[in-house]
């Protein structure tokens, strides 16, 4: 496993290619500064903890 993947502020680009929003099944944008994966369609931001995206809608932050 690459060291970059283990860094909380970074996510493996290959993982980003396959992940989709569990609500809309749409594309996610990576917000490096916030450490989140953002679904514009669902207006949710999924947290990344210890380099692992938490893809549960109940764990996501609502976007205004």
PDB file of N, CA and C in Angstrom:
ATOM      1  N   UNK A   1       0.850  -1.171   0.000  1.00  0.00           N
ATOM      2  CA  UNK A   1       0.000   0.000   0.000  1.00  0.00           C
ATOM      3  C   UNK A   1       0.892   1.228   0.000  1.00  0.00           C
ATOM      4  N   UNK A   2       0.518   2.226  -0.780  1.00  0.00           N
ATOM      5  CA  UNK A   2       1.362   3.409  -0.880  1.00  0.00           C
ATOM      6  C   UNK A   2       1.253   4.262   0.373  1.00  0.00           C
ATOM      7  N   UNK A   3       2.332   4.958   0.695  1.00  0.00           N
ATOM      8  CA  UNK A   3       2.353   5.838   1.851  1.00  0.00           C
ATOM      9  C   UNK A   3       1.392   7.001   1.665  1.00  0.00           C
ATOM     10  N   UNK A   4       1.196   7.435   0.423  1.00  0.00           N
ATOM     11  CA  UNK A   4       0.286   8.537   0.130  1.00  0.00           C
ATOM     12  C   UNK A   4      -1.131   8.181   0.544  1.00  0.00           C
ATOM     13  N   UNK A   5      -1.536   6.944   0.331  1.00  0.00           N
ATOM     14  CA  UNK A   5      -2.892   6.521   0.674  1.00  0.00           C
ATOM     15  C   UNK A   5      -3.126   6.582   2.175  1.00  0.00           C
ATOM     16  N   UNK A   6      -2.104   6.335   2.976  1.00  0.00           N
ATOM     17  CA  UNK A   6      -2.249   6.343   4.423  1.00  0.00           C
ATOM     18  C   UNK A   6      -2.289   7.739   5.014  1.00  0.00           C
ATOM     19  N   UNK A   7      -1.961   8.746   4.250  1.00  0.00           N
ATOM     20  CA  UNK A   7      -1.969  10.117   4.731  1.00  0.00           C
ATOM     21  C   UNK A   7      -3.398  10.627   4.742  1.00  0.00           C
ATOM     22  N   UNK A   8      -3.900  11.100   5.903  1.00  0.00           N
ATOM     23  CA  UNK A   8      -5.294  11.517   5.991  1.00  0.00           C
ATOM     24  C   UNK A   8      -5.702  12.600   4.995  1.00  0.00           C
ATOM     25  N   UNK A   9      -4.788  13.479   4.612  1.00  0.00           N
ATOM     26  CA  UNK A   9      -5.152  14.567   3.705  1.00  0.00           C
ATOM     27  C   UNK A   9      -5.107  14.146   2.243  1.00  0.00           C
ATOM     28  N   UNK A  10      -4.858  12.867   1.981  1.00  0.00           N
ATOM     29  CA  UNK A  10      -4.710  12.414   0.611  1.00  0.00           C
ATOM     30  C   UNK A  10      -5.497  11.131   0.378  1.00  0.00           C
ATOM     31  N   UNK A  11      -6.032  11.015  -0.813  1.00  0.00           N
ATOM     32  CA  UNK A  11      -6.769   9.814  -1.199  1.00  0.00           C
ATOM     33  C   UNK A  11      -6.183   9.314  -2.507  1.00  0.00           C
ATOM     34  N   UNK A  12      -6.046   8.015  -2.614  1.00  0.00           N
ATOM     35  CA  UNK A  12      -5.507   7.389  -3.815  1.00  0.00           C
ATOM     36  C   UNK A  12      -6.382   7.772  -5.012  1.00  0.00           C
ATOM     37  N   UNK A  13      -5.800   8.355  -6.062  1.00  0.00           N
ATOM     38  CA  UNK A  13      -6.580   8.758  -7.244  1.00  0.00           C
ATOM     39  C   UNK A  13      -7.345   7.598  -7.882  1.00  0.00           C
ATOM     40  N   UNK A  14      -6.819   6.399  -7.798  1.00  0.00           N
ATOM     41  CA  UNK A  14      -7.516   5.235  -8.365  1.00  0.00           C
ATOM     42  C   UNK A  14      -8.822   4.973  -7.623  1.00  0.00           C
ATOM     43  N   UNK A  15      -8.818   5.232  -6.318  1.00  0.00           N
ATOM     44  CA  UNK A  15     -10.031   5.055  -5.527  1.00  0.00           C
ATOM     45  C   UNK A  15     -11.084   6.087  -5.925  1.00  0.00           C
ATOM     46  N   UNK A  16     -10.646   7.309  -6.167  1.00  0.00           N
ATOM     47  CA  UNK A  16     -11.580   8.369  -6.563  1.00  0.00           C
ATOM     48  C   UNK A  16     -12.261   8.072  -7.892  1.00  0.00           C
ATOM     49  N   UNK A  17     -11.587   7.332  -8.753  1.00  0.00           N
ATOM     50  CA  UNK A  17     -12.156   6.987 -10.053  1.00  0.00           C
ATOM     51  C   UNK A  17     -13.340   6.031  -9.937  1.00  0.00           C
ATOM     52  N   UNK A  18     -13.375   5.214  -8.897  1.00  0.00           N
ATOM     53  CA  UNK A  18     -14.424   4.200  -8.782  1.00  0.00           C
ATOM     54  C   UNK A  18     -15.509   4.548  -7.763  1.00  0.00           C
ATOM     55  N   UNK A  19     -15.227   5.454  -6.840  1.00  0.00           N
ATOM     56  CA  UNK A  19     -16.225   5.825  -5.842  1.00  0.00           C
ATOM     57  C   UNK A  19     -17.308   6.714  -6.442  1.00  0.00           C
ATOM     58  N   UNK A  20     -18.534   6.480  -6.031  1.00  0.00           N
ATOM     59  CA  UNK A  20     -19.663   7.322  -6.420  1.00  0.00           C
ATOM     60  C   UNK A  20     -20.476   7.622  -5.170  1.00  0.00           C
ATOM     61  N   UNK A  21     -21.301   8.632  -5.255  1.00  0.00           N
ATOM     62  CA  UNK A  21     -22.181   8.986  -4.151  1.00  0.00           C
ATOM     63  C   UNK A  21     -23.183   7.842  -3.937  1.00  0.00           C
ATOM     64  N   UNK A  22     -23.330   7.352  -2.708  1.00  0.00           N
ATOM     65  CA  UNK A  22     -24.281   6.270  -2.468  1.00  0.00           C
ATOM     66  C   UNK A  22     -25.744   6.705  -2.593  1.00  0.00           C
ATOM     67  N   UNK A  23     -26.002   8.005  -2.565  1.00  0.00           N
ATOM     68  CA  UNK A  23     -27.369   8.517  -2.681  1.00  0.00           C
ATOM     69  C   UNK A  23     -27.762   8.706  -4.145  1.00  0.00           C
ATOM     70  N   UNK A  24     -26.911   9.408  -4.905  1.00  0.00           N
ATOM     71  CA  UNK A  24     -27.248   9.740  -6.293  1.00  0.00           C
ATOM     72  C   UNK A  24     -26.576   8.840  -7.321  1.00  0.00           C
ATOM     73  N   UNK A  25     -25.575   8.087  -6.897  1.00  0.00           N
ATOM     74  CA  UNK A  25     -24.736   7.274  -7.793  1.00  0.00           C
ATOM     75  C   UNK A  25     -23.952   8.164  -8.767  1.00  0.00           C
ATOM     76  N   UNK A  26     -23.810   9.434  -8.388  1.00  0.00           N
ATOM     77  CA  UNK A  26     -23.102  10.391  -9.225  1.00  0.00           C
ATOM     78  C   UNK A  26     -21.661  10.590  -8.802  1.00  0.00           C
ATOM     79  N   UNK A  27     -20.980  11.413  -9.556  1.00  0.00           N
ATOM     80  CA  UNK A  27     -19.567  11.719  -9.362  1.00  0.00           C
ATOM     81  C   UNK A  27     -19.333  12.455  -8.044  1.00  0.00           C
ATOM     82  N   UNK A  28     -18.153  12.218  -7.456  1.00  0.00           N
ATOM     83  CA  UNK A  28     -17.731  12.905  -6.243  1.00  0.00           C
ATOM     84  C   UNK A  28     -16.527  13.778  -6.555  1.00  0.00           C
ATOM     85  N   UNK A  29     -16.473  14.956  -5.947  1.00  0.00           N
ATOM     86  CA  UNK A  29     -15.320  15.840  -6.067  1.00  0.00           C
ATOM     87  C   UNK A  29     -14.529  15.775  -4.770  1.00  0.00           C
ATOM     88  N   UNK A  30     -13.210  15.731  -4.903  1.00  0.00           N
ATOM     89  CA  UNK A  30     -12.340  15.650  -3.741  1.00  0.00           C
ATOM     90  C   UNK A  30     -11.962  17.047  -3.280  1.00  0.00           C
ATOM     91  N   UNK A  31     -12.322  17.380  -2.044  1.00  0.00           N
ATOM     92  CA  UNK A  31     -11.942  18.654  -1.428  1.00  0.00           C
ATOM     93  C   UNK A  31     -10.786  18.365  -0.475  1.00  0.00           C
ATOM     94  N   UNK A  32      -9.575  18.570  -0.969  1.00  0.00           N
ATOM     95  CA  UNK A  32      -8.378  18.246  -0.201  1.00  0.00           C
ATOM     96  C   UNK A  32      -8.294  19.065   1.082  1.00  0.00           C
ATOM     97  N   UNK A  33      -8.623  20.350   1.016  1.00  0.00           N
ATOM     98  CA  UNK A  33      -8.519  21.235   2.181  1.00  0.00           C
ATOM     99  C   UNK A  33      -9.439  20.794   3.317  1.00  0.00           C
ATOM    100  N   UNK A  34     -10.653  20.375   2.960  1.00  0.00           N
ATOM    101  CA  UNK A  34     -11.624  19.959   3.972  1.00  0.00           C
ATOM    102  C   UNK A  34     -11.508  18.470   4.316  1.00  0.00           C
ATOM    103  N   UNK A  35     -10.803  17.713   3.479  1.00  0.00           N
ATOM    104  CA  UNK A  35     -10.691  16.270   3.706  1.00  0.00           C
ATOM    105  C   UNK A  35     -12.024  15.571   3.512  1.00  0.00           C
ATOM    106  N   UNK A  36     -12.710  15.938   2.417  1.00  0.00           N
ATOM    107  CA  UNK A  36     -14.038  15.395   2.153  1.00  0.00           C
ATOM    108  C   UNK A  36     -14.221  15.060   0.684  1.00  0.00           C
ATOM    109  N   UNK A  37     -15.160  14.170   0.428  1.00  0.00           N
ATOM    110  CA  UNK A  37     -15.622  13.887  -0.924  1.00  0.00           C
ATOM    111  C   UNK A  37     -16.994  14.525  -1.038  1.00  0.00           C
ATOM    112  N   UNK A  38     -17.171  15.388  -2.019  1.00  0.00           N
ATOM    113  CA  UNK A  38     -18.375  16.193  -2.137  1.00  0.00           C
ATOM    114  C   UNK A  38     -19.260  15.691  -3.271  1.00  0.00           C
ATOM    115  N   UNK A  39     -20.527  15.481  -2.934  1.00  0.00           N
ATOM    116  CA  UNK A  39     -21.548  15.142  -3.923  1.00  0.00           C
ATOM    117  C   UNK A  39     -22.411  16.378  -4.113  1.00  0.00           C
ATOM    118  N   UNK A  40     -22.249  17.035  -5.246  1.00  0.00           N
ATOM    119  CA  UNK A  40     -23.035  18.238  -5.522  1.00  0.00           C
ATOM    120  C   UNK A  40     -24.505  17.885  -5.716  1.00  0.00           C
ATOM    121  N   UNK A  41     -24.776  16.734  -6.319  1.00  0.00           N
ATOM    122  CA  UNK A  41     -26.149  16.314  -6.560  1.00  0.00           C
ATOM    123  C   UNK A  41     -26.926  16.060  -5.278  1.00  0.00           C
ATOM    124  N   UNK A  42     -26.292  15.412  -4.311  1.00  0.00           N
ATOM    125  CA  UNK A  42     -26.951  15.101  -3.036  1.00  0.00           C
ATOM    126  C   UNK A  42     -26.760  16.212  -2.008  1.00  0.00           C
ATOM    127  N   UNK A  43     -25.882  17.165  -2.331  1.00  0.00           N
ATOM    128  CA  UNK A  43     -25.527  18.247  -1.403  1.00  0.00           C
ATOM    129  C   UNK A  43     -25.020  17.695  -0.079  1.00  0.00           C
ATOM    130  N   UNK A  44     -24.104  16.708  -0.208  1.00  0.00           N
ATOM    131  CA  UNK A  44     -23.488  16.077   0.948  1.00  0.00           C
ATOM    132  C   UNK A  44     -21.981  16.051   0.785  1.00  0.00           C
ATOM    133  N   UNK A  45     -21.279  16.113   1.922  1.00  0.00           N
ATOM    134  CA  UNK A  45     -19.823  15.993   1.932  1.00  0.00           C
ATOM    135  C   UNK A  45     -19.461  14.823   2.834  1.00  0.00           C
ATOM    136  N   UNK A  46     -18.859  13.802   2.243  1.00  0.00           N
ATOM    137  CA  UNK A  46     -18.486  12.598   2.974  1.00  0.00           C
ATOM    138  C   UNK A  46     -17.081  12.768   3.554  1.00  0.00           C
ATOM    139  N   UNK A  47     -16.906  12.504   4.845  1.00  0.00           N
ATOM    140  CA  UNK A  47     -15.590  12.705   5.466  1.00  0.00           C
ATOM    141  C   UNK A  47     -14.591  11.624   5.056  1.00  0.00           C
ATOM    142  N   UNK A  48     -13.325  11.985   5.155  1.00  0.00           N
ATOM    143  CA  UNK A  48     -12.238  11.027   4.954  1.00  0.00           C
ATOM    144  C   UNK A  48     -11.504  10.952   6.278  1.00  0.00           C
ATOM    145  N   UNK A  49     -11.487   9.761   6.865  1.00  0.00           N
ATOM    146  CA  UNK A  49     -10.846   9.569   8.168  1.00  0.00           C
ATOM    147  C   UNK A  49      -9.695   8.582   8.025  1.00  0.00           C
ATOM    148  N   UNK A  50      -8.521   9.023   8.411  1.00  0.00           N
ATOM    149  CA  UNK A  50      -7.309   8.188   8.309  1.00  0.00           C
ATOM    150  C   UNK A  50      -7.132   7.631   6.906  1.00  0.00           C
ATOM    151  N   UNK A  51      -7.456   8.447   5.907  1.00  0.00           N
ATOM    152  CA  UNK A  51      -7.273   8.047   4.518  1.00  0.00           C
ATOM    153  C   UNK A  51      -8.389   7.189   3.955  1.00  0.00           C
ATOM    154  N   UNK A  52      -9.439   6.937   4.755  1.00  0.00           N
ATOM    155  CA  UNK A  52     -10.542   6.075   4.331  1.00  0.00           C
ATOM    156  C   UNK A  52     -11.813   6.911   4.168  1.00  0.00           C
ATOM    157  N   UNK A  53     -12.390   6.959   2.965  1.00  0.00           N
ATOM    158  CA  UNK A  53     -13.654   7.672   2.768  1.00  0.00           C
ATOM    159  C   UNK A  53     -14.792   6.969   3.513  1.00  0.00           C
ATOM    160  N   UNK A  54     -15.552   7.726   4.271  1.00  0.00           N
ATOM    161  CA  UNK A  54     -16.704   7.197   4.995  1.00  0.00           C
ATOM    162  C   UNK A  54     -17.938   7.502   4.145  1.00  0.00           C
ATOM    163  N   UNK A  55     -18.417   6.493   3.439  1.00  0.00           N
ATOM    164  CA  UNK A  55     -19.455   6.683   2.433  1.00  0.00           C
ATOM    165  C   UNK A  55     -20.860   6.376   2.963  1.00  0.00           C
ATOM    166  N   UNK A  56     -21.127   6.752   4.196  1.00  0.00           N
ATOM    167  CA  UNK A  56     -22.443   6.574   4.791  1.00  0.00           C
ATOM    168  C   UNK A  56     -23.168   7.905   4.802  1.00  0.00           C
ATOM    169  N   UNK A  57     -24.357   7.977   4.217  1.00  0.00           N
ATOM    170  CA  UNK A  57     -25.087   9.265   4.189  1.00  0.00           C
ATOM    171  C   UNK A  57     -25.303   9.846   5.582  1.00  0.00           C
ATOM    172  N   UNK A  58     -25.503   8.997   6.588  1.00  0.00           N
ATOM    173  CA  UNK A  58     -25.723   9.514   7.940  1.00  0.00           C
ATOM    174  C   UNK A  58     -24.456  10.124   8.564  1.00  0.00           C
ATOM    175  N   UNK A  59     -23.288   9.817   8.003  1.00  0.00           N
ATOM    176  CA  UNK A  59     -22.034  10.395   8.467  1.00  0.00           C
ATOM    177  C   UNK A  59     -21.645  11.655   7.680  1.00  0.00           C
ATOM    178  N   UNK A  60     -22.343  11.913   6.594  1.00  0.00           N
ATOM    179  CA  UNK A  60     -22.011  13.027   5.710  1.00  0.00           C
ATOM    180  C   UNK A  60     -22.503  14.362   6.290  1.00  0.00           C
ATOM    181  N   UNK A  61     -21.802  15.400   5.905  1.00  0.00           N
ATOM    182  CA  UNK A  61     -22.167  16.769   6.296  1.00  0.00           C
ATOM    183  C   UNK A  61     -23.048  17.343   5.181  1.00  0.00           C
ATOM    184  N   UNK A  62     -24.160  17.964   5.583  1.00  0.00           N
ATOM    185  CA  UNK A  62     -25.048  18.601   4.599  1.00  0.00           C
ATOM    186  C   UNK A  62     -24.440  19.907   4.114  1.00  0.00           C
ATOM    187  N   UNK A  63     -24.553  20.131   2.814  1.00  0.00           N
ATOM    188  CA  UNK A  63     -24.082  21.372   2.217  1.00  0.00           C
ATOM    189  C   UNK A  63     -25.267  22.300   2.000  1.00  0.00           C
ATOM    190  N   UNK A  64     -25.027  23.574   2.217  1.00  0.00           N
ATOM    191  CA  UNK A  64     -26.101  24.567   2.014  1.00  0.00           C
ATOM    192  C   UNK A  64     -26.133  25.063   0.593  1.00  0.00           C
TER     193      UNK A  64
END
